[in-house]
Amino acid sequence: MVRNMTEGDPLKLILPFMVPLLIGNVFQQLYNIADIIIVGRTIGVNALAAVGATAPLLMGSRWLRASGTAPVILTVCAAVWR
C-alpha cells in the first residue's frame, strides 16, 4: 500500500511514526534508570558517576545507530574516559 504523505490530516500521518519512537524512548529511559540503580547499589560511586556521564552520550548517539557509526563513537568515548 502506497501512502501519499503530502495529502490529508498531518496528525494522522505523523502519529504512526511518532508512537514507536516514543515507546522506544520510554524503554531507553527505563533501561538507564535500572542501570543507575543497579550500578549505584552494587559497584559504587565512581561507577555510578561513569554511568551518569555516559548515559546522555548513549541517548544522543541513538540516531547514529542506523548509520553504523555508534560503535566507533562508543569506542572513542571509552578511550577518553579511561
PDB file of N, CA and C in Angstrom:
ATOM      1  N   MET A   1       0.839  -1.180   0.000  1.00  0.00           N
ATOM      2  CA  MET A   1       0.000   0.000   0.000  1.00  0.00           C
ATOM      3  C   MET A   1       0.890   1.250   0.000  1.00  0.00           C
ATOM      4  N   VAL A   2       0.655   2.115  -0.962  1.00  0.00           N
ATOM      5  CA  VAL A   2       1.416   3.345  -1.082  1.00  0.00           C
ATOM      6  C   VAL A   2       0.615   4.471  -0.454  1.00  0.00           C
ATOM      7  N   ARG A   3       1.279   5.231   0.429  1.00  0.00           N
ATOM      8  CA  ARG A   3       0.625   6.370   1.077  1.00  0.00           C
ATOM      9  C   ARG A   3       1.173   7.667   0.531  1.00  0.00           C
ATOM     10  N   ASN A   4       0.297   8.597   0.276  1.00  0.00           N
ATOM     11  CA  ASN A   4       0.701   9.927  -0.129  1.00  0.00           C
ATOM     12  C   ASN A   4       0.805  10.777   1.133  1.00  0.00           C
ATOM     13  N   MET A   5       2.039  11.080   1.542  1.00  0.00           N
ATOM     14  CA  MET A   5       2.270  11.804   2.790  1.00  0.00           C
ATOM     15  C   MET A   5       2.067  13.310   2.644  1.00  0.00           C
ATOM     16  N   THR A   6       1.754  13.774   1.452  1.00  0.00           N
ATOM     17  CA  THR A   6       1.567  15.208   1.257  1.00  0.00           C
ATOM     18  C   THR A   6       0.109  15.619   1.287  1.00  0.00           C
ATOM     19  N   GLU A   7      -0.777  14.650   1.382  1.00  0.00           N
ATOM     20  CA  GLU A   7      -2.204  14.968   1.397  1.00  0.00           C
ATOM     21  C   GLU A   7      -2.847  14.365   2.633  1.00  0.00           C
ATOM     22  N   GLY A   8      -3.812  15.097   3.187  1.00  0.00           N
ATOM     23  CA  GLY A   8      -4.557  14.588   4.329  1.00  0.00           C
ATOM     24  C   GLY A   8      -4.200  15.301   5.622  1.00  0.00           C
ATOM     25  N   ASP A   9      -4.733  14.786   6.700  1.00  0.00           N
ATOM     26  CA  ASP A   9      -4.520  15.359   8.026  1.00  0.00           C
ATOM     27  C   ASP A   9      -3.094  15.055   8.496  1.00  0.00           C
ATOM     28  N   PRO A  10      -2.278  16.078   8.790  1.00  0.00           N
ATOM     29  CA  PRO A  10      -0.893  15.833   9.202  1.00  0.00           C
ATOM     30  C   PRO A  10      -0.776  14.985  10.474  1.00  0.00           C
ATOM     31  N   LEU A  11      -1.682  15.182  11.426  1.00  0.00           N
ATOM     32  CA  LEU A  11      -1.613  14.418  12.672  1.00  0.00           C
ATOM     33  C   LEU A  11      -1.799  12.925  12.419  1.00  0.00           C
ATOM     34  N   LYS A  12      -2.729  12.584  11.548  1.00  0.00           N
ATOM     35  CA  LYS A  12      -2.961  11.174  11.231  1.00  0.00           C
ATOM     36  C   LYS A  12      -1.793  10.568  10.468  1.00  0.00           C
ATOM     37  N   LEU A  13      -1.047  11.380   9.751  1.00  0.00           N
ATOM     38  CA  LEU A  13       0.103  10.883   9.012  1.00  0.00           C
ATOM     39  C   LEU A  13       1.332  10.739   9.906  1.00  0.00           C
ATOM     40  N   ILE A  14       1.499  11.643  10.850  1.00  0.00           N
ATOM     41  CA  ILE A  14       2.687  11.645  11.703  1.00  0.00           C
ATOM     42  C   ILE A  14       2.557  10.662  12.865  1.00  0.00           C
ATOM     43  N   LEU A  15       1.376  10.463  13.374  1.00  0.00           N
ATOM     44  CA  LEU A  15       1.154   9.617  14.545  1.00  0.00           C
ATOM     45  C   LEU A  15       1.698   8.189  14.400  1.00  0.00           C
ATOM     46  N   PRO A  16       1.509   7.513  13.275  1.00  0.00           N
ATOM     47  CA  PRO A  16       2.081   6.160  13.163  1.00  0.00           C
ATOM     48  C   PRO A  16       3.605   6.117  13.251  1.00  0.00           C
ATOM     49  N   PHE A  17       4.269   7.209  12.915  1.00  0.00           N
ATOM     50  CA  PHE A  17       5.717   7.270  13.035  1.00  0.00           C
ATOM     51  C   PHE A  17       6.148   7.665  14.441  1.00  0.00           C
ATOM     52  N   MET A  18       5.334   8.473  15.103  1.00  0.00           N
ATOM     53  CA  MET A  18       5.686   9.003  16.406  1.00  0.00           C
ATOM     54  C   MET A  18       5.572   7.960  17.517  1.00  0.00           C
ATOM     55  N   VAL A  19       4.558   7.132  17.479  1.00  0.00           N
ATOM     56  CA  VAL A  19       4.291   6.191  18.569  1.00  0.00           C
ATOM     57  C   VAL A  19       5.443   5.200  18.772  1.00  0.00           C
ATOM     58  N   PRO A  20       5.977   4.537  17.761  1.00  0.00           N
ATOM     59  CA  PRO A  20       7.102   3.622  18.015  1.00  0.00           C
ATOM     60  C   PRO A  20       8.341   4.331  18.565  1.00  0.00           C
ATOM     61  N   LEU A  21       8.598   5.532  18.094  1.00  0.00           N
ATOM     62  CA  LEU A  21       9.731   6.289  18.612  1.00  0.00           C
ATOM     63  C   LEU A  21       9.528   6.648  20.078  1.00  0.00           C
ATOM     64  N   LEU A  22       8.331   7.041  20.419  1.00  0.00           N
ATOM     65  CA  LEU A  22       8.026   7.377  21.809  1.00  0.00           C
ATOM     66  C   LEU A  22       8.160   6.163  22.715  1.00  0.00           C
ATOM     67  N   ILE A  23       7.666   5.032  22.276  1.00  0.00           N
ATOM     68  CA  ILE A  23       7.775   3.803  23.079  1.00  0.00           C
ATOM     69  C   ILE A  23       9.243   3.405  23.236  1.00  0.00           C
ATOM     70  N   GLY A  24      10.011   3.519  22.182  1.00  0.00           N
ATOM     71  CA  GLY A  24      11.443   3.217  22.263  1.00  0.00           C
ATOM     72  C   GLY A  24      12.169   4.120  23.228  1.00  0.00           C
ATOM     73  N   ASN A  25      11.839   5.397  23.239  1.00  0.00           N
ATOM     74  CA  ASN A  25      12.463   6.337  24.165  1.00  0.00           C
ATOM     75  C   ASN A  25      12.096   6.036  25.607  1.00  0.00           C
ATOM     76  N   VAL A  26      10.854   5.645  25.856  1.00  0.00           N
ATOM     77  CA  VAL A  26      10.440   5.302  27.217  1.00  0.00           C
ATOM     78  C   VAL A  26      11.228   4.089  27.714  1.00  0.00           C
ATOM     79  N   PHE A  27      11.368   3.067  26.873  1.00  0.00           N
ATOM     80  CA  PHE A  27      12.132   1.887  27.279  1.00  0.00           C
ATOM     81  C   PHE A  27      13.611   2.212  27.483  1.00  0.00           C
ATOM     82  N   GLN A  28      14.157   3.106  26.675  1.00  0.00           N
ATOM     83  CA  GLN A  28      15.552   3.519  26.854  1.00  0.00           C
ATOM     84  C   GLN A  28      15.732   4.227  28.187  1.00  0.00           C
ATOM     85  N   GLN A  29      14.800   5.072  28.560  1.00  0.00           N
ATOM     86  CA  GLN A  29      14.885   5.755  29.849  1.00  0.00           C
ATOM     87  C   GLN A  29      14.738   4.773  31.004  1.00  0.00           C
ATOM     88  N   LEU A  30      13.848   3.801  30.870  1.00  0.00           N
ATOM     89  CA  LEU A  30      13.709   2.785  31.908  1.00  0.00           C
ATOM     90  C   LEU A  30      14.986   1.967  32.051  1.00  0.00           C
ATOM     91  N   TYR A  31      15.638   1.664  30.945  1.00  0.00           N
ATOM     92  CA  TYR A  31      16.909   0.948  30.991  1.00  0.00           C
ATOM     93  C   TYR A  31      17.962   1.775  31.714  1.00  0.00           C
ATOM     94  N   ASN A  32      18.037   3.066  31.405  1.00  0.00           N
ATOM     95  CA  ASN A  32      19.010   3.941  32.062  1.00  0.00           C
ATOM     96  C   ASN A  32      18.746   4.030  33.563  1.00  0.00           C
ATOM     97  N   ILE A  33      17.491   4.126  33.953  1.00  0.00           N
ATOM     98  CA  ILE A  33      17.148   4.201  35.374  1.00  0.00           C
ATOM     99  C   ILE A  33      17.544   2.915  36.085  1.00  0.00           C
ATOM    100  N   ALA A  34      17.222   1.775  35.486  1.00  0.00           N
ATOM    101  CA  ALA A  34      17.591   0.492  36.089  1.00  0.00           C
ATOM    102  C   ALA A  34      19.104   0.350  36.172  1.00  0.00           C
ATOM    103  N   ASP A  35      19.810   0.780  35.148  1.00  0.00           N
ATOM    104  CA  ASP A  35      21.264   0.709  35.138  1.00  0.00           C
ATOM    105  C   ASP A  35      21.856   1.548  36.269  1.00  0.00           C
ATOM    106  N   ILE A  36      21.342   2.733  36.466  1.00  0.00           N
ATOM    107  CA  ILE A  36      21.840   3.615  37.523  1.00  0.00           C
ATOM    108  C   ILE A  36      21.568   3.022  38.902  1.00  0.00           C
ATOM    109  N   ILE A  37      20.386   2.444  39.088  1.00  0.00           N
ATOM    110  CA  ILE A  37      20.056   1.837  40.385  1.00  0.00           C
ATOM    111  C   ILE A  37      20.970   0.647  40.667  1.00  0.00           C
ATOM    112  N   ILE A  38      21.128  -0.228  39.696  1.00  0.00           N
ATOM    113  CA  ILE A  38      21.954  -1.425  39.908  1.00  0.00           C
ATOM    114  C   ILE A  38      23.412  -1.059  40.133  1.00  0.00           C
ATOM    115  N   VAL A  39      23.954  -0.184  39.316  1.00  0.00           N
ATOM    116  CA  VAL A  39      25.363   0.201  39.453  1.00  0.00           C
ATOM    117  C   VAL A  39      25.587   0.947  40.760  1.00  0.00           C
ATOM    118  N   GLY A  40      24.692   1.839  41.104  1.00  0.00           N
ATOM    119  CA  GLY A  40      24.847   2.610  42.337  1.00  0.00           C
ATOM    120  C   GLY A  40      24.816   1.754  43.588  1.00  0.00           C
ATOM    121  N   ARG A  41      24.016   0.710  43.583  1.00  0.00           N
ATOM    122  CA  ARG A  41      23.906  -0.137  44.774  1.00  0.00           C
ATOM    123  C   ARG A  41      24.979  -1.217  44.849  1.00  0.00           C
ATOM    124  N   THR A  42      25.494  -1.654  43.719  1.00  0.00           N
ATOM    125  CA  THR A  42      26.413  -2.792  43.754  1.00  0.00           C
ATOM    126  C   THR A  42      27.870  -2.426  43.528  1.00  0.00           C
ATOM    127  N   ILE A  43      28.171  -1.524  42.618  1.00  0.00           N
ATOM    128  CA  ILE A  43      29.571  -1.270  42.264  1.00  0.00           C
ATOM    129  C   ILE A  43      30.154  -0.087  43.025  1.00  0.00           C
ATOM    130  N   GLY A  44      29.454   1.023  43.099  1.00  0.00           N
ATOM    131  CA  GLY A  44      29.978   2.142  43.865  1.00  0.00           C
ATOM    132  C   GLY A  44      29.773   3.481  43.203  1.00  0.00           C
ATOM    133  N   VAL A  45      30.316   4.487  43.884  1.00  0.00           N
ATOM    134  CA  VAL A  45      30.095   5.878  43.485  1.00  0.00           C
ATOM    135  C   VAL A  45      30.814   6.219  42.182  1.00  0.00           C
ATOM    136  N   ASN A  46      32.044   5.763  42.015  1.00  0.00           N
ATOM    137  CA  ASN A  46      32.785   6.086  40.792  1.00  0.00           C
ATOM    138  C   ASN A  46      32.124   5.475  39.561  1.00  0.00           C
ATOM    139  N   ALA A  47      31.669   4.239  39.694  1.00  0.00           N
ATOM    140  CA  ALA A  47      30.981   3.601  38.569  1.00  0.00           C
ATOM    141  C   ALA A  47      29.661   4.307  38.269  1.00  0.00           C
ATOM    142  N   LEU A  48      28.975   4.744  39.320  1.00  0.00           N
ATOM    143  CA  LEU A  48      27.727   5.477  39.124  1.00  0.00           C
ATOM    144  C   LEU A  48      27.977   6.793  38.401  1.00  0.00           C
ATOM    145  N   ALA A  49      29.083   7.453  38.732  1.00  0.00           N
ATOM    146  CA  ALA A  49      29.434   8.690  38.036  1.00  0.00           C
ATOM    147  C   ALA A  49      29.722   8.424  36.560  1.00  0.00           C
ATOM    148  N   ALA A  50      30.364   7.298  36.267  1.00  0.00           N
ATOM    149  CA  ALA A  50      30.651   6.953  34.869  1.00  0.00           C
ATOM    150  C   ALA A  50      29.364   6.666  34.101  1.00  0.00           C
ATOM    151  N   VAL A  51      28.439   5.964  34.738  1.00  0.00           N
ATOM    152  CA  VAL A  51      27.155   5.679  34.081  1.00  0.00           C
ATOM    153  C   VAL A  51      26.393   6.979  33.854  1.00  0.00           C
ATOM    154  N   GLY A  52      26.401   7.850  34.844  1.00  0.00           N
ATOM    155  CA  GLY A  52      25.709   9.129  34.705  1.00  0.00           C
ATOM    156  C   GLY A  52      26.308  10.009  33.628  1.00  0.00           C
ATOM    157  N   ALA A  53      27.633   9.901  33.447  1.00  0.00           N
ATOM    158  CA  ALA A  53      28.303  10.723  32.435  1.00  0.00           C
ATOM    159  C   ALA A  53      28.072  10.203  31.026  1.00  0.00           C
ATOM    160  N   THR A  54      27.934   8.892  30.883  1.00  0.00           N
ATOM    161  CA  THR A  54      27.805   8.336  29.541  1.00  0.00           C
ATOM    162  C   THR A  54      26.362   8.147  29.092  1.00  0.00           C
ATOM    163  N   ALA A  55      25.413   8.184  30.012  1.00  0.00           N
ATOM    164  CA  ALA A  55      24.005   7.990  29.632  1.00  0.00           C
ATOM    165  C   ALA A  55      23.531   9.011  28.590  1.00  0.00           C
ATOM    166  N   PRO A  56      23.842  10.304  28.754  1.00  0.00           N
ATOM    167  CA  PRO A  56      23.415  11.257  27.709  1.00  0.00           C
ATOM    168  C   PRO A  56      24.091  10.999  26.360  1.00  0.00           C
ATOM    169  N   LEU A  57      25.345  10.534  26.395  1.00  0.00           N
ATOM    170  CA  LEU A  57      26.025  10.236  25.131  1.00  0.00           C
ATOM    171  C   LEU A  57      25.367   9.065  24.419  1.00  0.00           C
ATOM    172  N   LEU A  58      25.010   8.053  25.187  1.00  0.00           N
ATOM    173  CA  LEU A  58      24.351   6.901  24.576  1.00  0.00           C
ATOM    174  C   LEU A  58      22.984   7.285  24.028  1.00  0.00           C
ATOM    175  N   MET A  59      22.272   8.106  24.771  1.00  0.00           N
ATOM    176  CA  MET A  59      20.955   8.535  24.302  1.00  0.00           C
ATOM    177  C   MET A  59      21.097   9.433  23.070  1.00  0.00           C
ATOM    178  N   GLY A  60      22.112  10.286  23.086  1.00  0.00           N
ATOM    179  CA  GLY A  60      22.335  11.180  21.954  1.00  0.00           C
ATOM    180  C   GLY A  60      22.836  10.463  20.714  1.00  0.00           C
ATOM    181  N   SER A  61      23.549   9.360  20.934  1.00  0.00           N
ATOM    182  CA  SER A  61      24.082   8.629  19.790  1.00  0.00           C
ATOM    183  C   SER A  61      23.069   7.655  19.208  1.00  0.00           C
ATOM    184  N   ARG A  62      21.883   7.644  19.744  1.00  0.00           N
ATOM    185  CA  ARG A  62      20.863   6.699  19.273  1.00  0.00           C
ATOM    186  C   ARG A  62      20.561   6.867  17.792  1.00  0.00           C
ATOM    187  N   TRP A  63      20.583   8.085  17.339  1.00  0.00           N
ATOM    188  CA  TRP A  63      20.286   8.325  15.933  1.00  0.00           C
ATOM    189  C   TRP A  63      21.419   7.872  15.030  1.00  0.00           C
ATOM    190  N   LEU A  64      22.609   7.665  15.604  1.00  0.00           N
ATOM    191  CA  LEU A  64      23.730   7.206  14.797  1.00  0.00           C
ATOM    192  C   LEU A  64      23.717   5.695  14.566  1.00  0.00           C
ATOM    193  N   ARG A  65      22.925   4.985  15.335  1.00  0.00           N
ATOM    194  CA  ARG A  65      22.902   3.528  15.215  1.00  0.00           C
ATOM    195  C   ARG A  65      22.502   3.071  13.825  1.00  0.00           C
ATOM    196  N   ALA A  66      21.620   3.800  13.204  1.00  0.00           N
ATOM    197  CA  ALA A  66      21.151   3.396  11.876  1.00  0.00           C
ATOM    198  C   ALA A  66      22.267   3.489  10.842  1.00  0.00           C
ATOM    199  N   SER A  67      23.197   4.415  11.059  1.00  0.00           N
ATOM    200  CA  SER A  67      24.279   4.568  10.088  1.00  0.00           C
ATOM    201  C   SER A  67      25.469   3.678  10.399  1.00  0.00           C
ATOM    202  N   GLY A  68      25.475   3.035  11.565  1.00  0.00           N
ATOM    203  CA  GLY A  68      26.557   2.118  11.902  1.00  0.00           C
ATOM    204  C   GLY A  68      27.780   2.772  12.505  1.00  0.00           C
ATOM    205  N   THR A  69      27.697   4.047  12.857  1.00  0.00           N
ATOM    206  CA  THR A  69      28.856   4.737  13.417  1.00  0.00           C
ATOM    207  C   THR A  69      28.875   4.730  14.942  1.00  0.00           C
ATOM    208  N   ALA A  70      27.848   4.215  15.582  1.00  0.00           N
ATOM    209  CA  ALA A  70      27.801   4.210  17.044  1.00  0.00           C
ATOM    210  C   ALA A  70      28.939   3.407  17.671  1.00  0.00           C
ATOM    211  N   PRO A  71      29.319   2.235  17.159  1.00  0.00           N
ATOM    212  CA  PRO A  71      30.443   1.528  17.786  1.00  0.00           C
ATOM    213  C   PRO A  71      31.737   2.322  17.772  1.00  0.00           C
ATOM    214  N   VAL A  72      31.964   3.071  16.720  1.00  0.00           N
ATOM    215  CA  VAL A  72      33.162   3.907  16.655  1.00  0.00           C
ATOM    216  C   VAL A  72      33.102   4.997  17.710  1.00  0.00           C
ATOM    217  N   ILE A  73      31.965   5.640  17.842  1.00  0.00           N
ATOM    218  CA  ILE A  73      31.812   6.712  18.820  1.00  0.00           C
ATOM    219  C   ILE A  73      31.936   6.167  20.237  1.00  0.00           C
ATOM    220  N   LEU A  74      31.331   5.033  20.511  1.00  0.00           N
ATOM    221  CA  LEU A  74      31.422   4.443  21.841  1.00  0.00           C
ATOM    222  C   LEU A  74      32.847   4.031  22.177  1.00  0.00           C
ATOM    223  N   THR A  75      33.587   3.556  21.210  1.00  0.00           N
ATOM    224  CA  THR A  75      34.989   3.200  21.428  1.00  0.00           C
ATOM    225  C   THR A  75      35.804   4.438  21.761  1.00  0.00           C
ATOM    226  N   VAL A  76      35.580   5.511  21.048  1.00  0.00           N
ATOM    227  CA  VAL A  76      36.286   6.763  21.317  1.00  0.00           C
ATOM    228  C   VAL A  76      35.934   7.283  22.704  1.00  0.00           C
ATOM    229  N   CYS A  77      34.665   7.250  23.068  1.00  0.00           N
ATOM    230  CA  CYS A  77      34.233   7.717  24.381  1.00  0.00           C
ATOM    231  C   CYS A  77      34.857   6.881  25.489  1.00  0.00           C
ATOM    232  N   ALA A  78      34.906   5.563  25.300  1.00  0.00           N
ATOM    233  CA  ALA A  78      35.500   4.691  26.306  1.00  0.00           C
ATOM    234  C   ALA A  78      36.993   4.988  26.454  1.00  0.00           C
ATOM    235  N   ALA A  79      37.668   5.266  25.360  1.00  0.00           N
ATOM    236  CA  ALA A  79      39.104   5.585  25.428  1.00  0.00           C
ATOM    237  C   ALA A  79      39.345   6.917  26.117  1.00  0.00           C
ATOM    238  N   VAL A  80      38.460   7.877  25.888  1.00  0.00           N
ATOM    239  CA  VAL A  80      38.637   9.201  26.509  1.00  0.00           C
ATOM    240  C   VAL A  80      38.423   9.121  28.015  1.00  0.00           C
ATOM    241  N   TRP A  81      37.438   8.345  28.462  1.00  0.00           N
ATOM    242  CA  TRP A  81      37.145   8.285  29.901  1.00  0.00           C
ATOM    243  C   TRP A  81      38.128   7.423  30.690  1.00  0.00           C
ATOM    244  N   ARG A  82      38.908   6.609  30.010  1.00  0.00           N
ATOM    245  CA  ARG A  82      39.916   5.808  30.727  1.00  0.00           C
ATOM    246  C   ARG A  82      41.071   6.690  31.015  1.00  0.00           C
TER     247      ARG A  82
END
